[in-house]
Amino acid sequence: MPSKEASPSRRDQIIDAAVASFAEHGYYKTTTANVAKAAGVTQPYVFHFFKSKEDLFIAVLERAKGKIEEAFVNVEAPPEQLVEVMGRAFGQLMKTHRDEMLVTMQAFTTSEPGIRAIVRNHFTSIHQTVILRFERSGIPNAKFAASMFIGSGLIITMSEVLEAPELSPWSNK
């Protein structure tokens, strides 16, 4: 019999379904009914874990932010290769957790004040994580370099969303 820890919790299954729906349809066109159906639960069961669609969206963002920060903190590279290796870590997240990355990188377009505040805090936190990594590696003007690094992530994400890889300066197409 599988252990309880080996299978995702119902809450995690709901978040997984929400990630896919938010990535495909955006915040405004995603409904908790759609998420419930995709997760194989009832809509009231979604509300057992999340009091609103906004709370569900925030849970998606929290998970994604954690993955981004974990990836950046865990990168091991000499200072002269840190930016490149961290960029590859983000590229790997785009492959393994594409929908979460797309939702995170598009979330700043959501106008709800509560979501905006969370997104602002998340981007600020990620920015601070990158600044600290760059400073500790001796990268000059770490704050500017961190902003450029995050901007590059936004370009990569935009090219993914628009299915226009030629927009990314790192595209092979």
N, C-alpha and C. Protein backbone atom coordinates (compact mmCIF):
# COMPACT_ATOMS: atom_id res chain seq x y z
N MET A 1 0.85 -1.19 0.00
CA MET A 1 0.00 0.00 0.00
C MET A 1 0.88 1.24 0.00
N PRO A 2 0.66 2.20 -0.91
CA PRO A 2 1.51 3.39 -0.97
C PRO A 2 1.35 4.23 0.28
N SER A 3 2.44 4.87 0.65
CA SER A 3 2.38 5.74 1.82
C SER A 3 1.59 7.00 1.48
N LYS A 4 1.05 7.61 2.50
CA LYS A 4 0.28 8.83 2.32
C LYS A 4 1.15 9.93 1.70
N GLU A 5 2.42 9.96 2.07
CA GLU A 5 3.32 10.99 1.56
C GLU A 5 3.66 10.77 0.09
N ALA A 6 3.55 9.52 -0.40
CA ALA A 6 3.91 9.22 -1.78
C ALA A 6 2.88 9.78 -2.77
N SER A 7 1.64 9.91 -2.36
CA SER A 7 0.63 10.44 -3.27
C SER A 7 0.31 11.88 -2.90
N PRO A 8 0.04 12.68 -3.92
CA PRO A 8 -0.26 14.08 -3.62
C PRO A 8 -1.57 14.21 -2.85
N SER A 9 -1.61 15.19 -2.00
CA SER A 9 -2.84 15.44 -1.24
C SER A 9 -3.91 15.99 -2.18
N ARG A 10 -5.15 15.92 -1.74
CA ARG A 10 -6.25 16.49 -2.53
C ARG A 10 -5.99 17.98 -2.78
N ARG A 11 -5.50 18.67 -1.76
CA ARG A 11 -5.20 20.10 -1.92
C ARG A 11 -4.19 20.29 -3.05
N ASP A 12 -3.14 19.47 -3.06
CA ASP A 12 -2.14 19.57 -4.12
C ASP A 12 -2.72 19.22 -5.48
N GLN A 13 -3.62 18.24 -5.52
CA GLN A 13 -4.27 17.90 -6.79
C GLN A 13 -5.11 19.06 -7.31
N ILE A 14 -5.77 19.75 -6.41
CA ILE A 14 -6.55 20.92 -6.80
C ILE A 14 -5.63 22.02 -7.32
N ILE A 15 -4.52 22.23 -6.64
CA ILE A 15 -3.55 23.24 -7.09
C ILE A 15 -3.00 22.85 -8.46
N ASP A 16 -2.69 21.58 -8.65
CA ASP A 16 -2.19 21.12 -9.96
C ASP A 16 -3.20 21.44 -11.07
N ALA A 17 -4.47 21.14 -10.80
CA ALA A 17 -5.51 21.42 -11.80
C ALA A 17 -5.64 22.92 -12.03
N ALA A 18 -5.51 23.70 -10.96
CA ALA A 18 -5.61 25.16 -11.08
C ALA A 18 -4.44 25.71 -11.89
N VAL A 19 -3.25 25.20 -11.67
CA VAL A 19 -2.07 25.65 -12.43
C VAL A 19 -2.34 25.50 -13.92
N ALA A 20 -2.80 24.33 -14.31
CA ALA A 20 -3.06 24.07 -15.73
C ALA A 20 -4.13 25.00 -16.28
N SER A 21 -5.19 25.20 -15.50
CA SER A 21 -6.29 26.04 -15.97
C SER A 21 -5.88 27.51 -16.04
N PHE A 22 -5.20 28.00 -15.02
CA PHE A 22 -4.76 29.40 -15.03
C PHE A 22 -3.76 29.65 -16.16
N ALA A 23 -2.89 28.68 -16.41
CA ALA A 23 -1.91 28.85 -17.48
C ALA A 23 -2.59 28.88 -18.85
N GLU A 24 -3.62 28.06 -19.02
CA GLU A 24 -4.29 27.99 -20.31
C GLU A 24 -5.30 29.11 -20.52
N HIS A 25 -6.06 29.44 -19.47
CA HIS A 25 -7.17 30.38 -19.63
C HIS A 25 -6.97 31.74 -18.96
N GLY A 26 -5.94 31.86 -18.13
CA GLY A 26 -5.73 33.10 -17.39
C GLY A 26 -6.59 33.15 -16.14
N TYR A 27 -6.35 34.14 -15.33
CA TYR A 27 -7.07 34.27 -14.06
C TYR A 27 -8.56 34.50 -14.29
N TYR A 28 -8.90 35.39 -15.18
CA TYR A 28 -10.29 35.82 -15.32
C TYR A 28 -11.18 34.77 -15.97
N LYS A 29 -10.64 33.95 -16.86
CA LYS A 29 -11.48 32.96 -17.54
C LYS A 29 -11.48 31.60 -16.83
N THR A 30 -10.64 31.45 -15.83
CA THR A 30 -10.64 30.21 -15.06
C THR A 30 -11.72 30.29 -13.99
N THR A 31 -12.48 29.22 -13.85
CA THR A 31 -13.49 29.16 -12.79
C THR A 31 -13.14 28.04 -11.83
N THR A 32 -13.64 28.16 -10.61
CA THR A 32 -13.41 27.09 -9.65
C THR A 32 -14.15 25.83 -10.09
N ALA A 33 -15.23 25.98 -10.83
CA ALA A 33 -15.94 24.80 -11.36
C ALA A 33 -15.05 24.04 -12.35
N ASN A 34 -14.35 24.78 -13.22
CA ASN A 34 -13.42 24.14 -14.17
C ASN A 34 -12.28 23.43 -13.42
N VAL A 35 -11.77 24.09 -12.41
CA VAL A 35 -10.68 23.51 -11.62
C VAL A 35 -11.17 22.24 -10.92
N ALA A 36 -12.35 22.31 -10.32
CA ALA A 36 -12.90 21.15 -9.62
C ALA A 36 -13.05 19.97 -10.58
N LYS A 37 -13.60 20.23 -11.75
CA LYS A 37 -13.79 19.16 -12.74
C LYS A 37 -12.45 18.55 -13.13
N ALA A 38 -11.46 19.39 -13.39
CA ALA A 38 -10.14 18.90 -13.78
C ALA A 38 -9.47 18.10 -12.66
N ALA A 39 -9.75 18.48 -11.42
CA ALA A 39 -9.16 17.79 -10.26
C ALA A 39 -9.95 16.55 -9.88
N GLY A 40 -11.14 16.39 -10.45
CA GLY A 40 -11.97 15.24 -10.12
C GLY A 40 -12.66 15.35 -8.77
N VAL A 41 -12.96 16.59 -8.39
CA VAL A 41 -13.66 16.85 -7.12
C VAL A 41 -14.84 17.76 -7.40
N THR A 42 -15.65 17.99 -6.39
CA THR A 42 -16.76 18.92 -6.53
C THR A 42 -16.29 20.34 -6.25
N GLN A 43 -17.03 21.29 -6.77
CA GLN A 43 -16.68 22.68 -6.52
C GLN A 43 -16.71 23.02 -5.02
N PRO A 44 -17.72 22.54 -4.25
CA PRO A 44 -17.67 22.81 -2.81
C PRO A 44 -16.41 22.25 -2.14
N TYR A 45 -15.87 21.15 -2.69
CA TYR A 45 -14.65 20.59 -2.12
C TYR A 45 -13.46 21.52 -2.36
N VAL A 46 -13.44 22.20 -3.50
CA VAL A 46 -12.39 23.20 -3.74
C VAL A 46 -12.46 24.27 -2.66
N PHE A 47 -13.70 24.69 -2.34
CA PHE A 47 -13.87 25.73 -1.32
C PHE A 47 -13.59 25.22 0.09
N HIS A 48 -13.48 23.92 0.25
CA HIS A 48 -13.05 23.36 1.53
C HIS A 48 -11.60 23.77 1.82
N PHE A 49 -10.79 23.88 0.78
CA PHE A 49 -9.38 24.22 0.92
C PHE A 49 -9.09 25.69 0.65
N PHE A 50 -9.87 26.31 -0.21
CA PHE A 50 -9.62 27.69 -0.63
C PHE A 50 -10.92 28.47 -0.55
N LYS A 51 -10.88 29.61 0.15
CA LYS A 51 -12.14 30.34 0.35
C LYS A 51 -12.61 31.07 -0.90
N SER A 52 -11.71 31.23 -1.89
CA SER A 52 -12.08 31.94 -3.11
C SER A 52 -11.13 31.54 -4.24
N LYS A 53 -11.50 31.91 -5.46
CA LYS A 53 -10.62 31.70 -6.60
C LYS A 53 -9.31 32.47 -6.39
N GLU A 54 -9.41 33.64 -5.80
CA GLU A 54 -8.21 34.44 -5.53
C GLU A 54 -7.26 33.69 -4.60
N ASP A 55 -7.78 33.07 -3.56
CA ASP A 55 -6.93 32.29 -2.65
C ASP A 55 -6.28 31.11 -3.37
N LEU A 56 -7.02 30.48 -4.26
CA LEU A 56 -6.48 29.37 -5.04
C LEU A 56 -5.36 29.87 -5.94
N PHE A 57 -5.58 31.00 -6.59
CA PHE A 57 -4.56 31.59 -7.45
C PHE A 57 -3.30 31.92 -6.65
N ILE A 58 -3.49 32.47 -5.47
CA ILE A 58 -2.35 32.81 -4.61
C ILE A 58 -1.60 31.55 -4.20
N ALA A 59 -2.31 30.45 -3.93
CA ALA A 59 -1.64 29.19 -3.61
C ALA A 59 -0.77 28.72 -4.77
N VAL A 60 -1.28 28.88 -5.99
CA VAL A 60 -0.51 28.53 -7.18
C VAL A 60 0.76 29.39 -7.24
N LEU A 61 0.60 30.68 -7.00
CA LEU A 61 1.75 31.59 -7.05
C LEU A 61 2.77 31.29 -5.96
N GLU A 62 2.28 30.94 -4.77
CA GLU A 62 3.18 30.60 -3.66
C GLU A 62 4.04 29.39 -4.01
N ARG A 63 3.40 28.38 -4.57
CA ARG A 63 4.13 27.17 -4.94
C ARG A 63 5.19 27.50 -5.99
N ALA A 64 4.80 28.25 -7.01
CA ALA A 64 5.73 28.57 -8.10
C ALA A 64 6.89 29.42 -7.60
N LYS A 65 6.60 30.40 -6.76
CA LYS A 65 7.66 31.25 -6.21
C LYS A 65 8.67 30.40 -5.44
N GLY A 66 8.16 29.46 -4.66
CA GLY A 66 9.05 28.57 -3.92
C GLY A 66 9.97 27.79 -4.83
N LYS A 67 9.44 27.31 -5.94
CA LYS A 67 10.26 26.54 -6.89
C LYS A 67 11.33 27.43 -7.52
N ILE A 68 10.96 28.65 -7.86
CA ILE A 68 11.93 29.57 -8.47
C ILE A 68 13.05 29.89 -7.49
N GLU A 69 12.67 30.29 -6.29
CA GLU A 69 13.70 30.65 -5.30
C GLU A 69 14.57 29.45 -4.95
N GLU A 70 13.96 28.29 -4.80
CA GLU A 70 14.73 27.08 -4.49
C GLU A 70 15.74 26.79 -5.60
N ALA A 71 15.30 26.91 -6.84
CA ALA A 71 16.20 26.66 -7.96
C ALA A 71 17.38 27.63 -7.95
N PHE A 72 17.10 28.90 -7.72
CA PHE A 72 18.17 29.90 -7.74
C PHE A 72 19.12 29.75 -6.55
N VAL A 73 18.59 29.43 -5.39
CA VAL A 73 19.42 29.27 -4.20
C VAL A 73 20.31 28.04 -4.32
N ASN A 74 19.80 26.99 -4.96
CA ASN A 74 20.54 25.73 -5.03
C ASN A 74 21.54 25.65 -6.17
N VAL A 75 21.62 26.65 -7.00
CA VAL A 75 22.58 26.64 -8.11
C VAL A 75 23.99 26.67 -7.54
N GLU A 76 24.80 25.76 -8.04
CA GLU A 76 26.21 25.71 -7.68
C GLU A 76 27.00 26.06 -8.94
N ALA A 77 27.75 27.15 -8.88
CA ALA A 77 28.55 27.55 -10.04
C ALA A 77 29.61 28.54 -9.59
N PRO A 78 30.73 28.55 -10.29
CA PRO A 78 31.73 29.59 -10.01
C PRO A 78 31.16 30.95 -10.40
N PRO A 79 31.64 32.01 -9.78
CA PRO A 79 31.07 33.35 -10.02
C PRO A 79 30.96 33.73 -11.49
N GLU A 80 31.94 33.38 -12.29
CA GLU A 80 31.91 33.78 -13.70
C GLU A 80 30.87 33.01 -14.52
N GLN A 81 30.31 31.94 -13.94
CA GLN A 81 29.30 31.16 -14.63
C GLN A 81 27.93 31.22 -13.96
N LEU A 82 27.83 31.95 -12.86
CA LEU A 82 26.60 31.93 -12.06
C LEU A 82 25.38 32.38 -12.86
N VAL A 83 25.47 33.49 -13.57
CA VAL A 83 24.32 34.00 -14.32
C VAL A 83 23.86 32.96 -15.35
N GLU A 84 24.80 32.39 -16.06
CA GLU A 84 24.46 31.39 -17.08
C GLU A 84 23.81 30.16 -16.45
N VAL A 85 24.37 29.67 -15.35
CA VAL A 85 23.84 28.46 -14.72
C VAL A 85 22.47 28.73 -14.09
N MET A 86 22.31 29.91 -13.52
CA MET A 86 20.98 30.27 -12.99
C MET A 86 19.98 30.40 -14.12
N GLY A 87 20.41 30.91 -15.25
CA GLY A 87 19.54 30.99 -16.43
C GLY A 87 19.12 29.61 -16.89
N ARG A 88 20.07 28.67 -16.88
CA ARG A 88 19.74 27.29 -17.24
C ARG A 88 18.77 26.67 -16.23
N ALA A 89 18.93 27.05 -14.95
CA ALA A 89 18.01 26.55 -13.91
C ALA A 89 16.59 27.04 -14.20
N PHE A 90 16.46 28.30 -14.63
CA PHE A 90 15.14 28.80 -14.99
C PHE A 90 14.62 28.08 -16.24
N GLY A 91 15.50 27.87 -17.20
CA GLY A 91 15.12 27.13 -18.40
C GLY A 91 14.63 25.73 -18.06
N GLN A 92 15.26 25.10 -17.08
CA GLN A 92 14.83 23.77 -16.65
C GLN A 92 13.45 23.86 -16.00
N LEU A 93 13.21 24.91 -15.20
CA LEU A 93 11.87 25.10 -14.61
C LEU A 93 10.83 25.30 -15.71
N MET A 94 11.20 25.98 -16.77
CA MET A 94 10.26 26.17 -17.88
C MET A 94 9.91 24.83 -18.53
N LYS A 95 10.84 23.89 -18.49
CA LYS A 95 10.56 22.56 -19.05
C LYS A 95 9.75 21.70 -18.08
N THR A 96 10.12 21.72 -16.81
CA THR A 96 9.50 20.81 -15.85
C THR A 96 8.25 21.37 -15.18
N HIS A 97 8.16 22.68 -15.09
CA HIS A 97 7.02 23.34 -14.42
C HIS A 97 6.55 24.53 -15.26
N ARG A 98 6.41 24.28 -16.55
CA ARG A 98 6.09 25.35 -17.50
C ARG A 98 4.87 26.16 -17.09
N ASP A 99 3.77 25.48 -16.78
CA ASP A 99 2.54 26.20 -16.47
C ASP A 99 2.70 27.10 -15.24
N GLU A 100 3.39 26.59 -14.22
CA GLU A 100 3.60 27.42 -13.03
C GLU A 100 4.44 28.65 -13.35
N MET A 101 5.45 28.47 -14.20
CA MET A 101 6.29 29.61 -14.56
C MET A 101 5.49 30.62 -15.38
N LEU A 102 4.65 30.13 -16.30
CA LEU A 102 3.84 31.04 -17.11
C LEU A 102 2.87 31.82 -16.23
N VAL A 103 2.20 31.13 -15.31
CA VAL A 103 1.26 31.81 -14.42
C VAL A 103 1.98 32.87 -13.60
N THR A 104 3.13 32.52 -13.06
CA THR A 104 3.89 33.47 -12.23
C THR A 104 4.32 34.69 -13.03
N MET A 105 4.85 34.45 -14.20
CA MET A 105 5.37 35.56 -14.99
C MET A 105 4.27 36.42 -15.60
N GLN A 106 3.04 35.90 -15.67
CA GLN A 106 1.93 36.69 -16.19
C GLN A 106 1.08 37.31 -15.08
N ALA A 107 1.31 36.89 -13.86
CA ALA A 107 0.43 37.28 -12.75
C ALA A 107 0.39 38.78 -12.51
N PHE A 108 1.44 39.49 -12.88
CA PHE A 108 1.45 40.93 -12.64
C PHE A 108 0.39 41.66 -13.46
N THR A 109 -0.20 40.99 -14.44
CA THR A 109 -1.25 41.63 -15.24
C THR A 109 -2.63 41.52 -14.59
N THR A 110 -2.73 40.78 -13.49
CA THR A 110 -4.01 40.63 -12.79
C THR A 110 -4.22 41.86 -11.92
N SER A 111 -5.36 42.48 -12.05
CA SER A 111 -5.56 43.78 -11.40
C SER A 111 -6.13 43.73 -9.99
N GLU A 112 -6.53 42.56 -9.50
CA GLU A 112 -7.07 42.48 -8.13
C GLU A 112 -6.00 42.93 -7.13
N PRO A 113 -6.35 43.86 -6.24
CA PRO A 113 -5.36 44.40 -5.30
C PRO A 113 -4.65 43.35 -4.45
N GLY A 114 -5.38 42.36 -3.97
CA GLY A 114 -4.76 41.32 -3.15
C GLY A 114 -3.75 40.51 -3.92
N ILE A 115 -4.08 40.19 -5.15
CA ILE A 115 -3.16 39.43 -6.00
C ILE A 115 -1.97 40.30 -6.37
N ARG A 116 -2.23 41.54 -6.70
CA ARG A 116 -1.14 42.47 -7.05
C ARG A 116 -0.12 42.58 -5.93
N ALA A 117 -0.62 42.67 -4.70
CA ALA A 117 0.27 42.79 -3.54
C ALA A 117 1.13 41.53 -3.40
N ILE A 118 0.52 40.37 -3.57
CA ILE A 118 1.26 39.11 -3.47
C ILE A 118 2.31 39.03 -4.59
N VAL A 119 1.91 39.37 -5.80
CA VAL A 119 2.84 39.31 -6.93
C VAL A 119 4.00 40.28 -6.71
N ARG A 120 3.70 41.47 -6.26
CA ARG A 120 4.76 42.45 -5.96
C ARG A 120 5.73 41.88 -4.94
N ASN A 121 5.20 41.29 -3.87
CA ASN A 121 6.05 40.70 -2.84
C ASN A 121 6.88 39.54 -3.39
N HIS A 122 6.27 38.72 -4.25
CA HIS A 122 6.99 37.58 -4.82
C HIS A 122 8.13 38.04 -5.72
N PHE A 123 7.85 38.98 -6.61
CA PHE A 123 8.91 39.45 -7.50
C PHE A 123 10.01 40.16 -6.70
N THR A 124 9.62 40.89 -5.68
CA THR A 124 10.61 41.55 -4.82
C THR A 124 11.48 40.52 -4.12
N SER A 125 10.85 39.47 -3.62
CA SER A 125 11.59 38.41 -2.94
C SER A 125 12.53 37.68 -3.89
N ILE A 126 12.05 37.34 -5.07
CA ILE A 126 12.90 36.68 -6.06
C ILE A 126 14.05 37.60 -6.45
N HIS A 127 13.75 38.87 -6.65
CA HIS A 127 14.79 39.85 -6.99
C HIS A 127 15.85 39.91 -5.89
N GLN A 128 15.41 39.94 -4.64
CA GLN A 128 16.36 39.98 -3.52
C GLN A 128 17.20 38.70 -3.48
N THR A 129 16.59 37.56 -3.75
CA THR A 129 17.33 36.30 -3.78
C THR A 129 18.42 36.35 -4.84
N VAL A 130 18.08 36.85 -6.01
CA VAL A 130 19.05 36.94 -7.10
C VAL A 130 20.14 37.96 -6.76
N ILE A 131 19.75 39.10 -6.22
CA ILE A 131 20.74 40.11 -5.82
C ILE A 131 21.76 39.51 -4.85
N LEU A 132 21.27 38.82 -3.83
CA LEU A 132 22.17 38.22 -2.83
C LEU A 132 23.11 37.21 -3.47
N ARG A 133 22.58 36.37 -4.37
CA ARG A 133 23.44 35.40 -5.05
C ARG A 133 24.52 36.12 -5.86
N PHE A 134 24.11 37.17 -6.57
CA PHE A 134 25.06 37.92 -7.39
C PHE A 134 26.09 38.65 -6.53
N GLU A 135 25.64 39.29 -5.45
CA GLU A 135 26.56 39.99 -4.57
C GLU A 135 27.59 39.03 -3.97
N ARG A 136 27.13 37.89 -3.51
CA ARG A 136 28.04 36.90 -2.89
C ARG A 136 29.05 36.35 -3.89
N SER A 137 28.70 36.42 -5.17
CA SER A 137 29.62 35.95 -6.21
C SER A 137 30.50 37.06 -6.75
N GLY A 138 30.27 38.28 -6.26
CA GLY A 138 31.09 39.40 -6.71
C GLY A 138 30.70 39.96 -8.06
N ILE A 139 29.49 39.69 -8.49
CA ILE A 139 29.02 40.24 -9.77
C ILE A 139 28.84 41.75 -9.59
N PRO A 140 29.48 42.55 -10.44
CA PRO A 140 29.36 44.01 -10.30
C PRO A 140 27.92 44.48 -10.52
N ASN A 141 27.56 45.53 -9.79
CA ASN A 141 26.23 46.13 -9.88
C ASN A 141 25.15 45.05 -9.82
N ALA A 142 25.17 44.30 -8.73
CA ALA A 142 24.30 43.12 -8.56
C ALA A 142 22.82 43.46 -8.69
N LYS A 143 22.41 44.62 -8.22
CA LYS A 143 20.99 44.97 -8.30
C LYS A 143 20.56 45.12 -9.75
N PHE A 144 21.35 45.84 -10.54
CA PHE A 144 21.04 46.00 -11.95
C PHE A 144 21.09 44.65 -12.68
N ALA A 145 22.13 43.87 -12.39
CA ALA A 145 22.28 42.56 -13.04
C ALA A 145 21.09 41.66 -12.70
N ALA A 146 20.61 41.74 -11.45
CA ALA A 146 19.45 40.93 -11.05
C ALA A 146 18.20 41.38 -11.80
N SER A 147 18.04 42.67 -11.97
CA SER A 147 16.89 43.18 -12.73
C SER A 147 16.95 42.71 -14.18
N MET A 148 18.11 42.75 -14.77
CA MET A 148 18.27 42.30 -16.15
C MET A 148 18.01 40.79 -16.24
N PHE A 149 18.46 40.04 -15.24
CA PHE A 149 18.25 38.60 -15.22
C PHE A 149 16.76 38.27 -15.17
N ILE A 150 16.03 38.95 -14.30
CA ILE A 150 14.58 38.73 -14.20
C ILE A 150 13.88 39.19 -15.48
N GLY A 151 14.34 40.30 -16.04
CA GLY A 151 13.80 40.75 -17.32
C GLY A 151 13.99 39.72 -18.41
N SER A 152 15.12 39.05 -18.39
CA SER A 152 15.37 37.98 -19.36
C SER A 152 14.37 36.85 -19.17
N GLY A 153 14.07 36.53 -17.93
CA GLY A 153 13.06 35.50 -17.65
C GLY A 153 11.70 35.89 -18.19
N LEU A 154 11.37 37.16 -18.08
CA LEU A 154 10.10 37.64 -18.62
C LEU A 154 10.07 37.54 -20.14
N ILE A 155 11.19 37.83 -20.79
CA ILE A 155 11.25 37.70 -22.25
C ILE A 155 11.09 36.24 -22.66
N ILE A 156 11.78 35.36 -21.96
CA ILE A 156 11.67 33.93 -22.25
C ILE A 156 10.22 33.49 -22.11
N THR A 157 9.59 33.91 -21.04
CA THR A 157 8.20 33.53 -20.78
C THR A 157 7.27 34.11 -21.83
N MET A 158 7.47 35.37 -22.18
CA MET A 158 6.63 35.99 -23.21
C MET A 158 6.75 35.23 -24.53
N SER A 159 7.96 34.84 -24.88
CA SER A 159 8.13 34.11 -26.13
C SER A 159 7.43 32.74 -26.07
N GLU A 160 7.39 32.14 -24.89
CA GLU A 160 6.66 30.87 -24.71
C GLU A 160 5.16 31.08 -24.85
N VAL A 161 4.63 32.09 -24.15
CA VAL A 161 3.20 32.35 -24.17
C VAL A 161 2.72 32.65 -25.58
N LEU A 162 3.48 33.44 -26.30
CA LEU A 162 3.10 33.84 -27.64
C LEU A 162 3.49 32.81 -28.70
N GLU A 163 4.15 31.74 -28.26
CA GLU A 163 4.66 30.72 -29.18
C GLU A 163 5.46 31.38 -30.30
N ALA A 164 6.33 32.28 -29.86
CA ALA A 164 7.19 33.02 -30.79
C ALA A 164 8.62 32.97 -30.26
N PRO A 165 9.28 31.82 -30.39
CA PRO A 165 10.62 31.68 -29.82
C PRO A 165 11.63 32.68 -30.37
N GLU A 166 11.37 33.20 -31.55
CA GLU A 166 12.30 34.17 -32.13
C GLU A 166 12.37 35.46 -31.30
N LEU A 167 11.41 35.70 -30.41
CA LEU A 167 11.44 36.89 -29.55
C LEU A 167 12.50 36.77 -28.44
N SER A 168 12.86 35.55 -28.12
CA SER A 168 13.86 35.33 -27.07
C SER A 168 15.25 35.45 -27.66
N PRO A 169 16.11 36.22 -27.04
CA PRO A 169 17.47 36.36 -27.57
C PRO A 169 18.27 35.05 -27.48
N TRP A 170 17.74 34.05 -26.77
CA TRP A 170 18.44 32.79 -26.62
C TRP A 170 17.85 31.70 -27.50
N SER A 171 16.99 32.07 -28.38
CA SER A 171 16.34 31.10 -29.25
C SER A 171 17.31 30.59 -30.30
N ASN A 172 17.15 29.33 -30.64
CA ASN A 172 17.93 28.74 -31.72
C ASN A 172 17.21 28.84 -33.05
N LYS A 173 16.03 29.46 -33.03
CA LYS A 173 15.21 29.54 -34.27
C LYS A 173 15.33 30.89 -34.91
